């Protein structure tokens, strides 16, 4: 084993021993919704003024909620170009359509993620 490999293995073992896993670290990722029209142009029928929250990571999946430009979301997982998110603060706490604080999949293209992300 090389010195670098040994160091990585030791660090991984130490974190695992403390109960810290990569899944837990990935929970430290937050993002802002960007690139969607402002909520002032909201129109659910045309898809303007919001980012759809979906049941599965697919544009064909059922929409289960909405998040809006500037909303803060927590990012839990990634599947291709999709993030699994939950609303943390913003207009998504009192949405125009769907449940408050939605949790589901959104296009990663519209989320500026920061932190330890999946």
PDB file of N, CA and C in Angstrom:
ATOM      1  N   UNK A   1       0.835  -1.169   0.000  1.00  0.00           N
ATOM      2  CA  UNK A   1       0.000   0.000   0.000  1.00  0.00           C
ATOM      3  C   UNK A   1       0.886   1.241   0.000  1.00  0.00           C
ATOM      4  N   UNK A   2       0.513   2.217  -0.801  1.00  0.00           N
ATOM      5  CA  UNK A   2       1.291   3.453  -0.843  1.00  0.00           C
ATOM      6  C   UNK A   2       0.949   4.320   0.360  1.00  0.00           C
ATOM      7  N   UNK A   3       1.779   5.301   0.596  1.00  0.00           N
ATOM      8  CA  UNK A   3       1.559   6.209   1.726  1.00  0.00           C
ATOM      9  C   UNK A   3       0.211   6.927   1.595  1.00  0.00           C
ATOM     10  N   UNK A   4      -0.129   7.408   0.369  1.00  0.00           N
ATOM     11  CA  UNK A   4      -1.396   8.109   0.140  1.00  0.00           C
ATOM     12  C   UNK A   4      -2.577   7.183   0.370  1.00  0.00           C
ATOM     13  N   UNK A   5      -2.500   5.960  -0.162  1.00  0.00           N
ATOM     14  CA  UNK A   5      -3.584   4.999   0.010  1.00  0.00           C
ATOM     15  C   UNK A   5      -3.775   4.677   1.484  1.00  0.00           C
ATOM     16  N   UNK A   6      -2.674   4.521   2.215  1.00  0.00           N
ATOM     17  CA  UNK A   6      -2.751   4.240   3.654  1.00  0.00           C
ATOM     18  C   UNK A   6      -3.421   5.387   4.399  1.00  0.00           C
ATOM     19  N   UNK A   7      -3.076   6.620   4.036  1.00  0.00           N
ATOM     20  CA  UNK A   7      -3.666   7.784   4.696  1.00  0.00           C
ATOM     21  C   UNK A   7      -5.162   7.870   4.433  1.00  0.00           C
ATOM     22  N   UNK A   8      -5.574   7.616   3.192  1.00  0.00           N
ATOM     23  CA  UNK A   8      -6.997   7.651   2.843  1.00  0.00           C
ATOM     24  C   UNK A   8      -7.737   6.549   3.584  1.00  0.00           C
ATOM     25  N   UNK A   9      -7.166   5.359   3.616  1.00  0.00           N
ATOM     26  CA  UNK A   9      -7.797   4.240   4.317  1.00  0.00           C
ATOM     27  C   UNK A   9      -7.930   4.539   5.805  1.00  0.00           C
ATOM     28  N   UNK A  10      -6.900   5.117   6.404  1.00  0.00           N
ATOM     29  CA  UNK A  10      -6.942   5.455   7.826  1.00  0.00           C
ATOM     30  C   UNK A  10      -8.001   6.515   8.110  1.00  0.00           C
ATOM     31  N   UNK A  11      -8.087   7.523   7.259  1.00  0.00           N
ATOM     32  CA  UNK A  11      -9.084   8.583   7.446  1.00  0.00           C
ATOM     33  C   UNK A  11     -10.498   8.031   7.312  1.00  0.00           C
ATOM     34  N   UNK A  12     -10.709   7.169   6.320  1.00  0.00           N
ATOM     35  CA  UNK A  12     -12.023   6.556   6.115  1.00  0.00           C
ATOM     36  C   UNK A  12     -12.408   5.717   7.317  1.00  0.00           C
ATOM     37  N   UNK A  13     -11.471   4.915   7.810  1.00  0.00           N
ATOM     38  CA  UNK A  13     -11.726   4.076   8.973  1.00  0.00           C
ATOM     39  C   UNK A  13     -12.040   4.931  10.201  1.00  0.00           C
ATOM     40  N   UNK A  14     -11.303   6.013  10.386  1.00  0.00           N
ATOM     41  CA  UNK A  14     -11.536   6.899  11.529  1.00  0.00           C
ATOM     42  C   UNK A  14     -12.921   7.527  11.460  1.00  0.00           C
ATOM     43  N   UNK A  15     -13.310   8.004  10.289  1.00  0.00           N
ATOM     44  CA  UNK A  15     -14.630   8.618  10.141  1.00  0.00           C
ATOM     45  C   UNK A  15     -15.737   7.598  10.336  1.00  0.00           C
ATOM     46  N   UNK A  16     -15.543   6.385   9.816  1.00  0.00           N
ATOM     47  CA  UNK A  16     -16.540   5.336   9.974  1.00  0.00           C
ATOM     48  C   UNK A  16     -16.681   4.979  11.448  1.00  0.00           C
ATOM     49  N   UNK A  17     -15.554   4.925  12.152  1.00  0.00           N
ATOM     50  CA  UNK A  17     -15.576   4.627  13.580  1.00  0.00           C
ATOM     51  C   UNK A  17     -16.324   5.681  14.377  1.00  0.00           C
ATOM     52  N   UNK A  18     -16.340   6.890  13.902  1.00  0.00           N
ATOM     53  CA  UNK A  18     -17.063   7.974  14.568  1.00  0.00           C
ATOM     54  C   UNK A  18     -18.525   8.030  14.155  1.00  0.00           C
ATOM     55  N   UNK A  19     -18.916   7.116  13.265  1.00  0.00           N
ATOM     56  CA  UNK A  19     -20.291   7.112  12.791  1.00  0.00           C
ATOM     57  C   UNK A  19     -20.525   8.083  11.657  1.00  0.00           C
ATOM     58  N   UNK A  20     -19.472   8.637  11.077  1.00  0.00           N
ATOM     59  CA  UNK A  20     -19.591   9.570   9.967  1.00  0.00           C
ATOM     60  C   UNK A  20     -19.369   8.791   8.683  1.00  0.00           C
ATOM     61  N   UNK A  21     -20.379   8.755   7.840  1.00  0.00           N
ATOM     62  CA  UNK A  21     -20.265   8.058   6.565  1.00  0.00           C
ATOM     63  C   UNK A  21     -20.363   9.062   5.439  1.00  0.00           C
ATOM     64  N   UNK A  22     -20.100   8.611   4.224  1.00  0.00           N
ATOM     65  CA  UNK A  22     -20.216   9.517   3.079  1.00  0.00           C
ATOM     66  C   UNK A  22     -21.643  10.018   2.934  1.00  0.00           C
ATOM     67  N   UNK A  23     -22.625   9.202   3.311  1.00  0.00           N
ATOM     68  CA  UNK A  23     -24.023   9.628   3.244  1.00  0.00           C
ATOM     69  C   UNK A  23     -24.263  10.797   4.200  1.00  0.00           C
ATOM     70  N   UNK A  24     -23.693  10.716   5.398  1.00  0.00           N
ATOM     71  CA  UNK A  24     -23.873  11.802   6.362  1.00  0.00           C
ATOM     72  C   UNK A  24     -23.185  13.066   5.879  1.00  0.00           C
ATOM     73  N   UNK A  25     -21.995  12.920   5.309  1.00  0.00           N
ATOM     74  CA  UNK A  25     -21.284  14.080   4.797  1.00  0.00           C
ATOM     75  C   UNK A  25     -22.045  14.729   3.650  1.00  0.00           C
ATOM     76  N   UNK A  26     -22.687  13.905   2.816  1.00  0.00           N
ATOM     77  CA  UNK A  26     -23.428  14.437   1.677  1.00  0.00           C
ATOM     78  C   UNK A  26     -24.603  15.294   2.138  1.00  0.00           C
ATOM     79  N   UNK A  27     -25.084  15.095   3.361  1.00  0.00           N
ATOM     80  CA  UNK A  27     -26.187  15.885   3.889  1.00  0.00           C
ATOM     81  C   UNK A  27     -25.811  17.329   4.176  1.00  0.00           C
ATOM     82  N   UNK A  28     -24.535  17.664   4.052  1.00  0.00           N
ATOM     83  CA  UNK A  28     -24.069  19.024   4.292  1.00  0.00           C
ATOM     84  C   UNK A  28     -24.091  19.864   3.027  1.00  0.00           C
ATOM     85  N   UNK A  29     -24.905  19.493   2.073  1.00  0.00           N
ATOM     86  CA  UNK A  29     -24.991  20.185   0.790  1.00  0.00           C
ATOM     87  C   UNK A  29     -26.290  20.992   0.735  1.00  0.00           C
ATOM     88  N   UNK A  30     -26.155  22.277   0.433  1.00  0.00           N
ATOM     89  CA  UNK A  30     -27.328  23.121   0.236  1.00  0.00           C
ATOM     90  C   UNK A  30     -27.218  23.786  -1.127  1.00  0.00           C
ATOM     91  N   UNK A  31     -28.324  24.300  -1.605  1.00  0.00           N
ATOM     92  CA  UNK A  31     -28.306  24.974  -2.896  1.00  0.00           C
ATOM     93  C   UNK A  31     -29.375  26.035  -2.989  1.00  0.00           C
ATOM     94  N   UNK A  32     -29.172  26.951  -3.920  1.00  0.00           N
ATOM     95  CA  UNK A  32     -30.157  27.988  -4.234  1.00  0.00           C
ATOM     96  C   UNK A  32     -30.744  27.684  -5.599  1.00  0.00           C
ATOM     97  N   UNK A  33     -32.054  27.847  -5.712  1.00  0.00           N
ATOM     98  CA  UNK A  33     -32.724  27.671  -6.996  1.00  0.00           C
ATOM     99  C   UNK A  33     -32.403  28.890  -7.852  1.00  0.00           C
ATOM    100  N   UNK A  34     -31.867  28.651  -9.052  1.00  0.00           N
ATOM    101  CA  UNK A  34     -31.481  29.727  -9.967  1.00  0.00           C
ATOM    102  C   UNK A  34     -31.946  29.392 -11.379  1.00  0.00           C
ATOM    103  N   UNK A  35     -31.963  30.400 -12.223  1.00  0.00           N
ATOM    104  CA  UNK A  35     -32.248  30.174 -13.635  1.00  0.00           C
ATOM    105  C   UNK A  35     -33.701  29.937 -13.987  1.00  0.00           C
ATOM    106  N   UNK A  36     -34.604  30.111 -13.027  1.00  0.00           N
ATOM    107  CA  UNK A  36     -36.036  30.023 -13.344  1.00  0.00           C
ATOM    108  C   UNK A  36     -36.612  31.435 -13.290  1.00  0.00           C
ATOM    109  N   UNK A  37     -37.688  31.639 -13.993  1.00  0.00           N
ATOM    110  CA  UNK A  37     -38.314  32.967 -13.998  1.00  0.00           C
ATOM    111  C   UNK A  37     -38.743  33.359 -12.587  1.00  0.00           C
ATOM    112  N   UNK A  38     -38.789  34.655 -12.314  1.00  0.00           N
ATOM    113  CA  UNK A  38     -39.206  35.095 -10.975  1.00  0.00           C
ATOM    114  C   UNK A  38     -40.650  34.695 -10.693  1.00  0.00           C
ATOM    115  N   UNK A  39     -40.961  34.592  -9.421  1.00  0.00           N
ATOM    116  CA  UNK A  39     -42.295  34.174  -9.007  1.00  0.00           C
ATOM    117  C   UNK A  39     -43.374  35.140  -9.503  1.00  0.00           C
ATOM    118  N   UNK A  40     -42.996  36.370  -9.817  1.00  0.00           N
ATOM    119  CA  UNK A  40     -43.958  37.348 -10.342  1.00  0.00           C
ATOM    120  C   UNK A  40     -44.516  36.922 -11.698  1.00  0.00           C
ATOM    121  N   UNK A  41     -43.828  36.012 -12.397  1.00  0.00           N
ATOM    122  CA  UNK A  41     -44.324  35.519 -13.692  1.00  0.00           C
ATOM    123  C   UNK A  41     -44.952  34.133 -13.551  1.00  0.00           C
ATOM    124  N   UNK A  42     -45.361  33.758 -12.327  1.00  0.00           N
ATOM    125  CA  UNK A  42     -45.896  32.429 -12.045  1.00  0.00           C
ATOM    126  C   UNK A  42     -47.108  32.091 -12.904  1.00  0.00           C
ATOM    127  N   UNK A  43     -47.059  30.909 -13.517  1.00  0.00           N
ATOM    128  CA  UNK A  43     -48.189  30.343 -14.255  1.00  0.00           C
ATOM    129  C   UNK A  43     -48.011  28.826 -14.238  1.00  0.00           C
ATOM    130  N   UNK A  44     -48.770  28.160 -13.385  1.00  0.00           N
ATOM    131  CA  UNK A  44     -48.607  26.712 -13.233  1.00  0.00           C
ATOM    132  C   UNK A  44     -48.859  25.970 -14.545  1.00  0.00           C
ATOM    133  N   UNK A  45     -49.850  26.393 -15.300  1.00  0.00           N
ATOM    134  CA  UNK A  45     -50.197  25.699 -16.544  1.00  0.00           C
ATOM    135  C   UNK A  45     -49.072  25.737 -17.573  1.00  0.00           C
ATOM    136  N   UNK A  46     -48.382  26.879 -17.694  1.00  0.00           N
ATOM    137  CA  UNK A  46     -47.317  26.995 -18.699  1.00  0.00           C
ATOM    138  C   UNK A  46     -45.951  26.584 -18.153  1.00  0.00           C
ATOM    139  N   UNK A  47     -45.857  26.415 -16.831  1.00  0.00           N
ATOM    140  CA  UNK A  47     -44.583  26.023 -16.231  1.00  0.00           C
ATOM    141  C   UNK A  47     -43.659  27.192 -15.939  1.00  0.00           C
ATOM    142  N   UNK A  48     -44.193  28.402 -15.895  1.00  0.00           N
ATOM    143  CA  UNK A  48     -43.361  29.596 -15.669  1.00  0.00           C
ATOM    144  C   UNK A  48     -43.325  29.974 -14.190  1.00  0.00           C
ATOM    145  N   UNK A  49     -42.163  30.427 -13.732  1.00  0.00           N
ATOM    146  CA  UNK A  49     -42.030  30.981 -12.395  1.00  0.00           C
ATOM    147  C   UNK A  49     -41.777  29.971 -11.294  1.00  0.00           C
ATOM    148  N   UNK A  50     -41.447  28.736 -11.639  1.00  0.00           N
ATOM    149  CA  UNK A  50     -41.155  27.735 -10.618  1.00  0.00           C
ATOM    150  C   UNK A  50     -40.309  26.608 -11.207  1.00  0.00           C
ATOM    151  N   UNK A  51     -39.720  25.821 -10.314  1.00  0.00           N
ATOM    152  CA  UNK A  51     -39.002  24.605 -10.680  1.00  0.00           C
ATOM    153  C   UNK A  51     -39.807  23.441 -10.116  1.00  0.00           C
ATOM    154  N   UNK A  52     -40.196  22.517 -10.980  1.00  0.00           N
ATOM    155  CA  UNK A  52     -41.014  21.385 -10.559  1.00  0.00           C
ATOM    156  C   UNK A  52     -40.221  20.423  -9.679  1.00  0.00           C
ATOM    157  N   UNK A  53     -40.841  20.004  -8.588  1.00  0.00           N
ATOM    158  CA  UNK A  53     -40.307  18.947  -7.728  1.00  0.00           C
ATOM    159  C   UNK A  53     -41.041  17.676  -8.131  1.00  0.00           C
ATOM    160  N   UNK A  54     -40.277  16.634  -8.460  1.00  0.00           N
ATOM    161  CA  UNK A  54     -40.874  15.414  -9.011  1.00  0.00           C
ATOM    162  C   UNK A  54     -40.661  14.206  -8.101  1.00  0.00           C
ATOM    163  N   UNK A  55     -41.532  13.220  -8.276  1.00  0.00           N
ATOM    164  CA  UNK A  55     -41.483  11.997  -7.472  1.00  0.00           C
ATOM    165  C   UNK A  55     -40.228  11.177  -7.763  1.00  0.00           C
ATOM    166  N   UNK A  56     -39.769  11.187  -9.004  1.00  0.00           N
ATOM    167  CA  UNK A  56     -38.594  10.426  -9.433  1.00  0.00           C
ATOM    168  C   UNK A  56     -37.698  11.335 -10.270  1.00  0.00           C
ATOM    169  N   UNK A  57     -36.422  10.964 -10.460  1.00  0.00           N
ATOM    170  CA  UNK A  57     -35.495  11.797 -11.241  1.00  0.00           C
ATOM    171  C   UNK A  57     -35.708  11.675 -12.751  1.00  0.00           C
ATOM    172  N   UNK A  58     -36.823  12.223 -13.214  1.00  0.00           N
ATOM    173  CA  UNK A  58     -37.175  12.173 -14.635  1.00  0.00           C
ATOM    174  C   UNK A  58     -38.160  13.296 -14.946  1.00  0.00           C
ATOM    175  N   UNK A  59     -38.000  13.919 -16.109  1.00  0.00           N
ATOM    176  CA  UNK A  59     -38.932  14.969 -16.530  1.00  0.00           C
ATOM    177  C   UNK A  59     -40.331  14.402 -16.756  1.00  0.00           C
ATOM    178  N   UNK A  60     -40.431  13.096 -16.938  1.00  0.00           N
ATOM    179  CA  UNK A  60     -41.736  12.452 -17.145  1.00  0.00           C
ATOM    180  C   UNK A  60     -42.407  12.042 -15.834  1.00  0.00           C
ATOM    181  N   UNK A  61     -41.671  12.141 -14.731  1.00  0.00           N
ATOM    182  CA  UNK A  61     -42.218  11.743 -13.433  1.00  0.00           C
ATOM    183  C   UNK A  61     -43.267  12.747 -12.964  1.00  0.00           C
ATOM    184  N   UNK A  62     -44.167  12.274 -12.132  1.00  0.00           N
ATOM    185  CA  UNK A  62     -45.248  13.103 -11.608  1.00  0.00           C
ATOM    186  C   UNK A  62     -44.701  14.267 -10.784  1.00  0.00           C
ATOM    187  N   UNK A  63     -45.241  15.463 -11.016  1.00  0.00           N
ATOM    188  CA  UNK A  63     -44.872  16.634 -10.224  1.00  0.00           C
ATOM    189  C   UNK A  63     -45.585  16.557  -8.884  1.00  0.00           C
ATOM    190  N   UNK A  64     -44.810  16.752  -7.794  1.00  0.00           N
ATOM    191  CA  UNK A  64     -45.388  16.665  -6.450  1.00  0.00           C
ATOM    192  C   UNK A  64     -45.252  17.968  -5.663  1.00  0.00           C
ATOM    193  N   UNK A  65     -44.574  18.962  -6.252  1.00  0.00           N
ATOM    194  CA  UNK A  65     -44.398  20.233  -5.563  1.00  0.00           C
ATOM    195  C   UNK A  65     -43.671  21.235  -6.427  1.00  0.00           C
ATOM    196  N   UNK A  66     -43.361  22.389  -5.833  1.00  0.00           N
ATOM    197  CA  UNK A  66     -42.662  23.460  -6.542  1.00  0.00           C
ATOM    198  C   UNK A  66     -41.667  24.140  -5.615  1.00  0.00           C
ATOM    199  N   UNK A  67     -40.560  24.593  -6.204  1.00  0.00           N
ATOM    200  CA  UNK A  67     -39.643  25.511  -5.531  1.00  0.00           C
ATOM    201  C   UNK A  67     -39.459  26.692  -6.475  1.00  0.00           C
ATOM    202  N   UNK A  68     -38.996  27.805  -5.921  1.00  0.00           N
ATOM    203  CA  UNK A  68     -38.974  29.053  -6.672  1.00  0.00           C
ATOM    204  C   UNK A  68     -37.591  29.698  -6.663  1.00  0.00           C
ATOM    205  N   UNK A  69     -37.367  30.623  -7.593  1.00  0.00           N
ATOM    206  CA  UNK A  69     -36.075  31.317  -7.698  1.00  0.00           C
ATOM    207  C   UNK A  69     -35.672  31.882  -6.340  1.00  0.00           C
ATOM    208  N   UNK A  70     -34.449  31.587  -5.930  1.00  0.00           N
ATOM    209  CA  UNK A  70     -33.924  32.084  -4.667  1.00  0.00           C
ATOM    210  C   UNK A  70     -34.165  31.191  -3.469  1.00  0.00           C
ATOM    211  N   UNK A  71     -35.045  30.200  -3.597  1.00  0.00           N
ATOM    212  CA  UNK A  71     -35.304  29.298  -2.472  1.00  0.00           C
ATOM    213  C   UNK A  71     -34.035  28.545  -2.088  1.00  0.00           C
ATOM    214  N   UNK A  72     -33.890  28.268  -0.798  1.00  0.00           N
ATOM    215  CA  UNK A  72     -32.779  27.474  -0.282  1.00  0.00           C
ATOM    216  C   UNK A  72     -33.263  26.041  -0.104  1.00  0.00           C
ATOM    217  N   UNK A  73     -32.508  25.090  -0.663  1.00  0.00           N
ATOM    218  CA  UNK A  73     -32.864  23.677  -0.547  1.00  0.00           C
ATOM    219  C   UNK A  73     -31.691  22.898   0.032  1.00  0.00           C
ATOM    220  N   UNK A  74     -32.002  21.801   0.685  1.00  0.00           N
ATOM    221  CA  UNK A  74     -30.990  20.858   1.146  1.00  0.00           C
ATOM    222  C   UNK A  74     -30.917  19.757   0.098  1.00  0.00           C
ATOM    223  N   UNK A  75     -29.703  19.405  -0.320  1.00  0.00           N
ATOM    224  CA  UNK A  75     -29.502  18.390  -1.360  1.00  0.00           C
ATOM    225  C   UNK A  75     -29.030  17.103  -0.692  1.00  0.00           C
ATOM    226  N   UNK A  76     -29.784  16.002  -0.899  1.00  0.00           N
ATOM    227  CA  UNK A  76     -29.488  14.735  -0.239  1.00  0.00           C
ATOM    228  C   UNK A  76     -28.886  13.684  -1.158  1.00  0.00           C
ATOM    229  N   UNK A  77     -29.199  13.748  -2.437  1.00  0.00           N
ATOM    230  CA  UNK A  77     -28.762  12.687  -3.344  1.00  0.00           C
ATOM    231  C   UNK A  77     -28.693  13.244  -4.756  1.00  0.00           C
ATOM    232  N   UNK A  78     -28.027  12.497  -5.624  1.00  0.00           N
ATOM    233  CA  UNK A  78     -27.932  12.874  -7.034  1.00  0.00           C
ATOM    234  C   UNK A  78     -28.134  11.632  -7.884  1.00  0.00           C
ATOM    235  N   UNK A  79     -28.861  11.798  -8.969  1.00  0.00           N
ATOM    236  CA  UNK A  79     -29.042  10.735  -9.951  1.00  0.00           C
ATOM    237  C   UNK A  79     -28.915  11.387 -11.320  1.00  0.00           C
ATOM    238  N   UNK A  80     -27.753  11.214 -11.957  1.00  0.00           N
ATOM    239  CA  UNK A  80     -27.511  11.881 -13.236  1.00  0.00           C
ATOM    240  C   UNK A  80     -27.569  13.386 -13.066  1.00  0.00           C
ATOM    241  N   UNK A  81     -28.455  14.037 -13.807  1.00  0.00           N
ATOM    242  CA  UNK A  81     -28.612  15.494 -13.740  1.00  0.00           C
ATOM    243  C   UNK A  81     -29.763  15.919 -12.826  1.00  0.00           C
ATOM    244  N   UNK A  82     -30.049  15.107 -11.820  1.00  0.00           N
ATOM    245  CA  UNK A  82     -31.147  15.384 -10.901  1.00  0.00           C
ATOM    246  C   UNK A  82     -30.645  15.368  -9.465  1.00  0.00           C
ATOM    247  N   UNK A  83     -31.162  16.295  -8.655  1.00  0.00           N
ATOM    248  CA  UNK A  83     -30.878  16.331  -7.217  1.00  0.00           C
ATOM    249  C   UNK A  83     -32.143  15.965  -6.452  1.00  0.00           C
ATOM    250  N   UNK A  84     -31.969  15.200  -5.377  1.00  0.00           N
ATOM    251  CA  UNK A  84     -33.068  14.973  -4.437  1.00  0.00           C
ATOM    252  C   UNK A  84     -32.952  16.060  -3.372  1.00  0.00           C
ATOM    253  N   UNK A  85     -33.972  16.895  -3.251  1.00  0.00           N
ATOM    254  CA  UNK A  85     -33.908  18.074  -2.384  1.00  0.00           C
ATOM    255  C   UNK A  85     -35.112  18.162  -1.451  1.00  0.00           C
ATOM    256  N   UNK A  86     -34.950  18.995  -0.431  1.00  0.00           N
ATOM    257  CA  UNK A  86     -36.048  19.387   0.448  1.00  0.00           C
ATOM    258  C   UNK A  86     -35.962  20.898   0.635  1.00  0.00           C
ATOM    259  N   UNK A  87     -37.086  21.561   0.564  1.00  0.00           N
ATOM    260  CA  UNK A  87     -37.149  23.011   0.794  1.00  0.00           C
ATOM    261  C   UNK A  87     -36.711  23.324   2.218  1.00  0.00           C
ATOM    262  N   UNK A  88     -35.809  24.307   2.342  1.00  0.00           N
ATOM    263  CA  UNK A  88     -35.372  24.756   3.669  1.00  0.00           C
ATOM    264  C   UNK A  88     -35.953  26.127   4.014  1.00  0.00           C
ATOM    265  N   UNK A  89     -35.933  27.046   3.032  1.00  0.00           N
ATOM    266  CA  UNK A  89     -36.513  28.376   3.278  1.00  0.00           C
ATOM    267  C   UNK A  89     -36.792  29.073   1.962  1.00  0.00           C
ATOM    268  N   UNK A  90     -37.741  29.990   2.022  1.00  0.00           N
ATOM    269  CA  UNK A  90     -38.116  30.765   0.841  1.00  0.00           C
ATOM    270  C   UNK A  90     -39.594  30.605   0.541  1.00  0.00           C
ATOM    271  N   UNK A  91     -39.968  30.943  -0.679  1.00  0.00           N
ATOM    272  CA  UNK A  91     -41.372  30.850  -1.081  1.00  0.00           C
ATOM    273  C   UNK A  91     -41.884  29.414  -1.073  1.00  0.00           C
ATOM    274  N   UNK A  92     -40.982  28.433  -1.126  1.00  0.00           N
ATOM    275  CA  UNK A  92     -41.400  27.028  -1.104  1.00  0.00           C
ATOM    276  C   UNK A  92     -42.015  26.634   0.242  1.00  0.00           C
ATOM    277  N   UNK A  93     -41.864  27.473   1.260  1.00  0.00           N
ATOM    278  CA  UNK A  93     -42.498  27.200   2.550  1.00  0.00           C
ATOM    279  C   UNK A  93     -44.000  27.476   2.503  1.00  0.00           C
ATOM    280  N   UNK A  94     -44.426  28.263   1.526  1.00  0.00           N
ATOM    281  CA  UNK A  94     -45.835  28.597   1.347  1.00  0.00           C
ATOM    282  C   UNK A  94     -46.100  28.667  -0.159  1.00  0.00           C
ATOM    283  N   UNK A  95     -46.068  27.508  -0.842  1.00  0.00           N
ATOM    284  CA  UNK A  95     -46.102  27.495  -2.310  1.00  0.00           C
ATOM    285  C   UNK A  95     -47.468  27.850  -2.898  1.00  0.00           C
ATOM    286  N   UNK A  96     -47.434  28.236  -4.162  1.00  0.00           N
ATOM    287  CA  UNK A  96     -48.666  28.504  -4.905  1.00  0.00           C
ATOM    288  C   UNK A  96     -49.406  27.210  -5.221  1.00  0.00           C
ATOM    289  N   UNK A  97     -48.645  26.116  -5.349  1.00  0.00           N
ATOM    290  CA  UNK A  97     -49.231  24.822  -5.707  1.00  0.00           C
ATOM    291  C   UNK A  97     -48.486  23.724  -4.957  1.00  0.00           C
ATOM    292  N   UNK A  98     -49.191  22.737  -4.475  1.00  0.00           N
ATOM    293  CA  UNK A  98     -48.566  21.597  -3.814  1.00  0.00           C
ATOM    294  C   UNK A  98     -48.303  21.843  -2.337  1.00  0.00           C
ATOM    295  N   UNK A  99     -47.690  20.847  -1.688  1.00  0.00           N
ATOM    296  CA  UNK A  99     -47.457  20.929  -0.248  1.00  0.00           C
ATOM    297  C   UNK A  99     -46.348  21.912   0.116  1.00  0.00           C
ATOM    298  N   UNK A 100     -46.411  22.428   1.331  1.00  0.00           N
ATOM    299  CA  UNK A 100     -45.334  23.278   1.844  1.00  0.00           C
ATOM    300  C   UNK A 100     -44.084  22.431   2.066  1.00  0.00           C
ATOM    301  N   UNK A 101     -42.924  23.050   1.905  1.00  0.00           N
ATOM    302  CA  UNK A 101     -41.632  22.389   2.117  1.00  0.00           C
ATOM    303  C   UNK A 101     -41.516  21.074   1.344  1.00  0.00           C
ATOM    304  N   UNK A 102     -41.711  21.106   0.027  1.00  0.00           N
ATOM    305  CA  UNK A 102     -41.690  19.867  -0.747  1.00  0.00           C
ATOM    306  C   UNK A 102     -40.334  19.171  -0.710  1.00  0.00           C
ATOM    307  N   UNK A 103     -40.386  17.856  -0.880  1.00  0.00           N
ATOM    308  CA  UNK A 103     -39.191  17.031  -0.936  1.00  0.00           C
ATOM    309  C   UNK A 103     -39.325  16.094  -2.128  1.00  0.00           C
ATOM    310  N   UNK A 104     -38.324  16.107  -3.019  1.00  0.00           N
ATOM    311  CA  UNK A 104     -38.359  15.254  -4.202  1.00  0.00           C
ATOM    312  C   UNK A 104     -37.210  15.600  -5.127  1.00  0.00           C
ATOM    313  N   UNK A 105     -37.341  15.270  -6.391  1.00  0.00           N
ATOM    314  CA  UNK A 105     -36.275  15.427  -7.383  1.00  0.00           C
ATOM    315  C   UNK A 105     -36.483  16.668  -8.241  1.00  0.00           C
ATOM    316  N   UNK A 106     -35.389  17.423  -8.455  1.00  0.00           N
ATOM    317  CA  UNK A 106     -35.403  18.599  -9.326  1.00  0.00           C
ATOM    318  C   UNK A 106     -34.225  18.522 -10.284  1.00  0.00           C
ATOM    319  N   UNK A 107     -34.340  19.203 -11.406  1.00  0.00           N
ATOM    320  CA  UNK A 107     -33.232  19.273 -12.354  1.00  0.00           C
ATOM    321  C   UNK A 107     -32.061  20.005 -11.705  1.00  0.00           C
ATOM    322  N   UNK A 108     -30.890  19.354 -11.684  1.00  0.00           N
ATOM    323  CA  UNK A 108     -29.690  19.946 -11.071  1.00  0.00           C
ATOM    324  C   UNK A 108     -29.251  21.208 -11.803  1.00  0.00           C
ATOM    325  N   UNK A 109     -29.681  21.355 -13.037  1.00  0.00           N
ATOM    326  CA  UNK A 109     -29.328  22.531 -13.839  1.00  0.00           C
ATOM    327  C   UNK A 109     -29.760  23.833 -13.167  1.00  0.00           C
ATOM    328  N   UNK A 110     -30.818  23.763 -12.376  1.00  0.00           N
ATOM    329  CA  UNK A 110     -31.389  24.961 -11.774  1.00  0.00           C
ATOM    330  C   UNK A 110     -31.076  25.116 -10.284  1.00  0.00           C
ATOM    331  N   UNK A 111     -30.098  24.364  -9.794  1.00  0.00           N
ATOM    332  CA  UNK A 111     -29.707  24.464  -8.386  1.00  0.00           C
ATOM    333  C   UNK A 111     -28.210  24.740  -8.311  1.00  0.00           C
ATOM    334  N   UNK A 112     -27.836  25.845  -7.684  1.00  0.00           N
ATOM    335  CA  UNK A 112     -26.426  26.166  -7.454  1.00  0.00           C
ATOM    336  C   UNK A 112     -26.064  25.573  -6.094  1.00  0.00           C
ATOM    337  N   UNK A 113     -25.461  24.378  -6.127  1.00  0.00           N
ATOM    338  CA  UNK A 113     -25.175  23.619  -4.909  1.00  0.00           C
ATOM    339  C   UNK A 113     -23.825  24.006  -4.318  1.00  0.00           C
ATOM    340  N   UNK A 114     -23.761  23.988  -2.980  1.00  0.00           N
ATOM    341  CA  UNK A 114     -22.541  24.315  -2.240  1.00  0.00           C
ATOM    342  C   UNK A 114     -22.393  23.340  -1.071  1.00  0.00           C
ATOM    343  N   UNK A 115     -21.152  23.075  -0.691  1.00  0.00           N
ATOM    344  CA  UNK A 115     -20.880  22.209   0.455  1.00  0.00           C
ATOM    345  C   UNK A 115     -20.389  20.852   0.002  1.00  0.00           C
ATOM    346  N   UNK A 116     -20.555  19.856   0.851  1.00  0.00           N
ATOM    347  CA  UNK A 116     -20.173  18.479   0.530  1.00  0.00           C
ATOM    348  C   UNK A 116     -21.382  17.848  -0.145  1.00  0.00           C
ATOM    349  N   UNK A 117     -21.350  17.799  -1.476  1.00  0.00           N
ATOM    350  CA  UNK A 117     -22.526  17.398  -2.250  1.00  0.00           C
ATOM    351  C   UNK A 117     -22.363  16.009  -2.860  1.00  0.00           C
ATOM    352  N   UNK A 118     -23.493  15.324  -3.021  1.00  0.00           N
ATOM    353  CA  UNK A 118     -23.448  13.991  -3.650  1.00  0.00           C
ATOM    354  C   UNK A 118     -23.090  14.080  -5.122  1.00  0.00           C
TER     355      UNK A 118
END
